[in-house]
Amino acid sequence: MSEIIAGAESPAAPKDASTVILVRDGASGPEVFLQRRVDGMAFAAGVTVFPGGGVDVSDSVADIGWAGPDAAWWGERFGVGEDRARALVCAAVRELFEECGVLLAGPTADTVVTEAETHSAVREQLVRRELTLGEFLSRERLVLRADLLRPWANWITPEISPRRYDTHFFVAMLPAGQRADGATSEASEVRWATPAAVLDSWRAGADELLGPTWTQLRTLHGFASAADLFAADRDIETVLPVLERGGDRIRLVFPDCDAYYADLPAAHRRW
């Protein structure tokens, strides 16, 4: 018999975060862009992840041009208020630009920049919080392209964790003419790979994947093209893993976790 272990009496409040699953078409099908977080980071050190990070205060007050689904649409899809939804979308665009140099914005509502590298100095200012996304886009007269994002999933860090995030996953296709890079201090290496290849690498112990990333890779597998993946209509259900004890075993429980633990390399077992 298993026992669900309650979290702390006063679990830490989860911080809003946005993660972007960046996709493109490769020779063997759709590929995703992945980063291996540097060792020594306070959260998920050494783990292979998609680009993303916490929502900044400036994301919620960004006064910018906006193309695509409005905040009300995003709020309905993610089950949050309009202000919070707008901040999540802005954070997704900002984090994607900061972490891999891909900019989902353009001079007009139906264009996107083709050489994001020209804004490399601004990218560094954003990372150092010397400039906000709203200030950057307004100054360059760029429109945020919310239509280049799609909602994908929502996971909340377990209550037992001292550092918690309410992470909203987005999907975006790599814009034509742009290149995702590894010019970030948060990643030791980056690469493009098919979801199947990443899962194989994880089973072999070469990549460490936490439950949320593993789950998204499984849902991405099987699409014929990046366009098909981007067009998928997802029902967003919030997932909050819980800690379970069964005999001598302690593990996090989430949808399809039995399959996760069946293939989880012993070296990467954290529970």
Protein backbone atom coordinates (compact mmCIF):
# COMPACT_ATOMS: atom_id res chain seq x y z
CA MET A 1 0.00 0.00 0.00
CA SER A 2 1.28 3.45 -0.88
CA GLU A 3 0.99 6.62 1.17
CA ILE A 4 0.78 10.17 -0.14
CA ILE A 5 3.18 12.35 1.84
CA ALA A 6 1.84 15.80 2.64
CA GLY A 7 3.94 18.83 1.79
CA ALA A 8 5.25 21.31 4.31
CA GLU A 9 2.73 22.93 6.64
CA SER A 10 3.30 26.21 4.81
CA PRO A 11 4.63 25.33 1.35
CA ALA A 12 6.43 28.05 -0.57
CA ALA A 13 4.20 30.01 -2.93
CA PRO A 14 4.97 29.05 -6.54
CA LYS A 15 6.39 31.79 -8.75
CA ASP A 16 4.93 32.18 -12.24
CA ALA A 17 7.26 30.97 -14.98
CA SER A 18 7.13 30.53 -18.75
CA THR A 19 8.88 27.80 -20.71
CA VAL A 20 9.06 27.70 -24.52
CA ILE A 21 9.29 24.49 -26.52
CA LEU A 22 11.03 25.80 -29.63
CA VAL A 23 10.59 23.52 -32.65
CA ARG A 24 11.79 23.25 -36.22
CA ASP A 25 11.69 20.62 -38.98
CA GLY A 26 14.70 18.35 -39.27
CA ALA A 27 15.71 15.46 -41.51
CA SER A 28 14.07 12.94 -39.16
CA GLY A 29 11.03 15.04 -38.27
CA PRO A 30 10.32 17.86 -35.82
CA GLU A 31 13.23 18.81 -33.58
CA VAL A 32 13.22 20.68 -30.25
CA PHE A 33 15.81 23.08 -28.87
CA LEU A 34 17.28 21.98 -25.53
CA GLN A 35 19.68 23.37 -22.96
CA ARG A 36 21.67 21.59 -20.28
CA ARG A 37 21.64 23.81 -17.22
CA VAL A 38 25.04 24.53 -15.69
CA ASP A 39 26.05 22.69 -12.54
CA GLY A 40 25.70 24.64 -9.32
CA MET A 41 22.44 26.40 -10.21
CA ALA A 42 19.92 26.72 -7.39
CA PHE A 43 17.21 24.95 -9.38
CA ALA A 44 17.56 21.90 -11.66
CA ALA A 45 21.35 22.04 -11.93
CA GLY A 46 22.75 19.87 -14.74
CA VAL A 47 19.28 19.00 -16.02
CA THR A 48 18.27 19.13 -19.70
CA VAL A 49 15.41 21.60 -20.19
CA PHE A 50 13.62 23.85 -22.66
CA PRO A 51 14.37 27.61 -22.56
CA GLY A 52 12.41 29.54 -19.97
CA GLY A 53 12.37 31.23 -16.61
CA GLY A 54 10.44 33.19 -14.05
CA VAL A 55 8.03 36.00 -14.82
CA ASP A 56 9.56 39.40 -14.06
CA VAL A 57 7.62 42.30 -12.56
CA SER A 58 8.23 44.25 -15.77
CA ASP A 59 6.47 41.55 -17.80
CA SER A 60 3.15 42.42 -16.20
CA VAL A 61 3.36 46.14 -17.03
CA ALA A 62 4.77 45.98 -20.55
CA ASP A 63 3.06 48.57 -22.75
CA ILE A 64 3.74 47.22 -26.23
CA GLY A 65 2.27 46.52 -29.62
CA TRP A 66 0.62 43.10 -29.66
CA ALA A 67 -0.34 40.81 -32.55
CA GLY A 68 -2.33 37.63 -32.23
CA PRO A 69 -4.59 36.22 -29.51
CA ASP A 70 -5.24 38.79 -26.79
CA ALA A 71 -4.71 38.39 -23.06
CA ALA A 72 -8.30 37.24 -22.57
CA TRP A 73 -7.76 34.33 -24.97
CA TRP A 74 -4.54 33.30 -23.24
CA GLY A 75 -6.18 33.65 -19.86
CA GLU A 76 -9.00 31.34 -20.89
CA ARG A 77 -6.61 28.72 -22.25
CA PHE A 78 -4.40 28.72 -19.15
CA GLY A 79 -7.19 29.35 -16.65
CA VAL A 80 -5.72 32.60 -15.29
CA GLY A 81 -6.67 36.28 -15.25
CA GLU A 82 -5.90 38.57 -18.19
CA ASP A 83 -3.09 40.49 -16.47
CA ARG A 84 -1.38 37.29 -15.44
CA ALA A 85 -1.82 35.79 -18.90
CA ARG A 86 -0.29 38.85 -20.53
CA ALA A 87 2.71 38.65 -18.18
CA LEU A 88 3.19 34.94 -18.99
CA VAL A 89 3.23 35.61 -22.74
CA CYS A 90 5.64 38.54 -22.33
CA ALA A 91 7.90 36.39 -20.14
CA ALA A 92 7.88 33.63 -22.77
CA VAL A 93 9.01 36.07 -25.47
CA ARG A 94 11.61 37.70 -23.21
CA GLU A 95 13.07 34.44 -21.86
CA LEU A 96 13.31 32.92 -25.34
CA PHE A 97 15.24 35.96 -26.56
CA GLU A 98 17.47 36.11 -23.49
CA GLU A 99 18.33 32.42 -23.41
CA CYS A 100 18.73 31.52 -27.08
CA GLY A 101 18.51 34.75 -29.10
CA VAL A 102 15.20 33.99 -30.82
CA LEU A 103 12.91 37.03 -30.99
CA LEU A 104 9.17 36.61 -31.57
CA ALA A 105 8.55 40.18 -32.68
CA GLY A 106 8.49 42.15 -35.91
CA PRO A 107 8.03 45.61 -37.41
CA THR A 108 4.38 44.85 -38.19
CA ALA A 109 1.67 42.47 -37.02
CA ASP A 110 2.44 40.03 -39.84
CA THR A 111 6.25 40.16 -39.99
CA VAL A 112 9.05 38.93 -37.75
CA VAL A 113 12.66 40.04 -37.51
CA THR A 114 14.99 37.84 -39.55
CA GLU A 115 18.29 38.85 -37.94
CA ALA A 116 17.79 38.90 -34.18
CA GLU A 117 21.59 39.03 -33.77
CA THR A 118 21.44 42.76 -34.53
CA HIS A 119 19.88 43.19 -31.09
CA SER A 120 22.61 41.30 -29.20
CA ALA A 121 23.53 44.32 -27.05
CA VAL A 122 19.89 44.73 -26.05
CA ARG A 123 19.73 41.04 -25.20
CA GLU A 124 22.53 41.51 -22.67
CA GLN A 125 20.76 44.52 -21.19
CA LEU A 126 17.60 42.49 -20.75
CA VAL A 127 19.53 39.74 -18.97
CA ARG A 128 21.07 42.29 -16.60
CA ARG A 129 17.62 43.90 -16.08
CA GLU A 130 18.94 47.23 -17.34
CA LEU A 131 16.13 47.32 -19.88
CA THR A 132 12.64 45.87 -19.95
CA LEU A 133 11.01 44.00 -22.81
CA GLY A 134 8.44 46.77 -23.17
CA GLU A 135 11.10 49.47 -23.39
CA PHE A 136 13.04 47.49 -25.98
CA LEU A 137 10.08 46.73 -28.24
CA SER A 138 8.69 50.26 -27.99
CA ARG A 139 12.06 51.85 -28.76
CA GLU A 140 12.60 49.63 -31.81
CA ARG A 141 8.94 49.91 -32.86
CA LEU A 142 8.52 46.16 -32.79
CA VAL A 143 5.24 44.29 -32.29
CA LEU A 144 5.13 41.27 -30.00
CA ARG A 145 3.93 38.28 -32.03
CA ALA A 146 1.71 36.37 -29.60
CA ASP A 147 0.37 34.45 -32.60
CA LEU A 148 3.78 32.74 -32.91
CA LEU A 149 3.15 31.00 -29.58
CA ARG A 150 0.70 28.26 -28.63
CA PRO A 151 -0.30 27.05 -25.14
CA TRP A 152 0.92 23.54 -24.35
CA ALA A 153 0.93 22.57 -20.65
CA ASN A 154 0.97 23.75 -17.03
CA TRP A 155 2.99 22.14 -14.24
CA ILE A 156 3.47 23.28 -10.65
CA THR A 157 6.53 22.31 -8.58
CA PRO A 158 5.61 19.92 -5.75
CA GLU A 159 4.73 21.49 -2.41
CA ILE A 160 7.66 19.77 -0.72
CA SER A 161 10.17 21.79 -2.77
CA PRO A 162 11.63 24.94 -1.18
CA ARG A 163 11.80 26.64 -4.59
CA ARG A 164 8.55 26.37 -6.53
CA TYR A 165 7.26 27.47 -9.95
CA ASP A 166 3.87 27.54 -11.63
CA THR A 167 5.23 26.89 -15.11
CA HIS A 168 3.21 27.47 -18.25
CA PHE A 169 4.59 25.72 -21.33
CA PHE A 170 4.33 27.29 -24.79
CA VAL A 171 5.23 25.98 -28.24
CA ALA A 172 6.88 28.20 -30.88
CA MET A 173 8.32 27.47 -34.31
CA LEU A 174 11.76 28.85 -35.08
CA PRO A 175 11.17 31.95 -37.28
CA ALA A 176 12.71 31.89 -40.76
CA GLY A 177 16.14 33.53 -40.80
CA GLN A 178 16.68 33.26 -37.06
CA ARG A 179 19.09 30.98 -35.21
CA ALA A 180 18.90 29.60 -31.69
CA ASP A 181 22.26 29.78 -29.90
CA GLY A 182 23.89 28.87 -26.61
CA ALA A 183 24.97 32.38 -25.62
CA THR A 184 23.61 32.20 -22.08
CA SER A 185 25.37 31.78 -18.76
CA GLU A 186 22.65 29.36 -17.63
CA ALA A 187 23.48 26.57 -20.09
CA SER A 188 26.63 24.47 -20.44
CA GLU A 189 25.53 23.16 -23.84
CA VAL A 190 22.62 23.40 -26.26
CA ARG A 191 21.38 21.29 -29.15
CA TRP A 192 18.53 20.49 -31.52
CA ALA A 193 17.21 16.93 -31.41
CA THR A 194 14.08 14.95 -32.10
CA PRO A 195 11.99 14.14 -29.00
CA ALA A 196 12.65 10.43 -29.59
CA ALA A 197 16.41 10.99 -29.66
CA VAL A 198 16.31 12.94 -26.39
CA LEU A 199 14.27 10.23 -24.70
CA ASP A 200 16.74 7.59 -25.92
CA SER A 201 19.61 9.68 -24.55
CA TRP A 202 17.78 9.98 -21.23
CA ARG A 203 17.26 6.21 -20.99
CA ALA A 204 20.97 5.76 -21.63
CA GLY A 205 21.79 8.15 -18.79
CA ALA A 206 23.34 10.85 -20.99
CA ASP A 207 20.57 13.39 -20.27
CA GLU A 208 18.77 14.04 -17.03
CA LEU A 209 15.09 14.86 -17.52
CA LEU A 210 12.65 15.89 -14.82
CA GLY A 211 9.05 14.73 -15.07
CA PRO A 212 7.63 17.84 -16.78
CA THR A 213 10.26 17.83 -19.57
CA TRP A 214 9.96 14.07 -20.06
CA THR A 215 6.19 14.37 -20.32
CA GLN A 216 6.32 17.14 -22.93
CA LEU A 217 8.83 15.20 -25.03
CA ARG A 218 6.46 12.22 -25.03
CA THR A 219 3.54 14.39 -26.14
CA LEU A 220 5.68 15.93 -28.90
CA HIS A 221 6.70 12.56 -30.30
CA GLY A 222 4.69 11.39 -33.29
CA PHE A 223 3.93 14.69 -35.04
CA ALA A 224 4.85 14.63 -38.73
CA SER A 225 6.01 18.25 -38.90
CA ALA A 226 6.63 21.32 -36.79
CA ALA A 227 3.55 22.92 -38.37
CA ASP A 228 1.37 19.99 -37.29
CA LEU A 229 2.74 20.24 -33.79
CA PHE A 230 2.16 24.01 -33.66
CA ALA A 231 -1.41 23.58 -34.87
CA ALA A 232 -2.31 21.02 -32.18
CA ASP A 233 -5.25 22.12 -30.02
CA ARG A 234 -4.31 21.29 -26.45
CA ASP A 235 -6.52 21.08 -23.37
CA ILE A 236 -4.40 22.57 -20.60
CA GLU A 237 -4.73 20.69 -17.31
CA THR A 238 -2.67 21.76 -14.31
CA VAL A 239 -0.34 19.04 -13.01
CA LEU A 240 0.87 19.19 -9.40
CA PRO A 241 3.04 16.15 -8.61
CA VAL A 242 2.77 14.75 -5.08
CA LEU A 243 5.25 12.74 -3.04
CA GLU A 244 4.30 9.11 -2.43
CA ARG A 245 5.89 6.53 -0.14
CA GLY A 246 5.39 2.82 -0.81
CA GLY A 247 7.52 0.55 1.36
CA ASP A 248 11.12 1.71 0.98
CA ARG A 249 10.32 3.68 -2.17
CA ILE A 250 9.68 7.41 -2.26
CA ARG A 251 8.75 9.04 -5.53
CA LEU A 252 6.87 11.89 -7.14
CA VAL A 253 3.54 10.92 -8.66
CA PHE A 254 2.28 12.53 -11.86
CA PRO A 255 0.44 11.33 -14.99
CA ASP A 256 2.16 8.27 -16.58
CA CYS A 257 4.89 8.36 -13.95
CA ASP A 258 5.11 4.55 -13.91
CA ALA A 259 6.53 4.69 -17.45
CA TYR A 260 8.95 7.41 -16.36
CA TYR A 261 10.31 5.43 -13.41
CA ALA A 262 10.47 2.21 -15.40
CA ASP A 263 13.08 3.77 -17.71
CA LEU A 264 14.70 6.23 -15.28
CA PRO A 265 18.47 5.57 -15.06
CA ALA A 266 19.59 4.79 -11.50
CA ALA A 267 22.13 7.62 -11.58
CA HIS A 268 19.34 10.16 -12.04
CA ARG A 269 16.98 8.97 -9.33
CA ARG A 270 16.31 11.88 -7.01
CA TRP A 271 13.57 10.27 -4.93
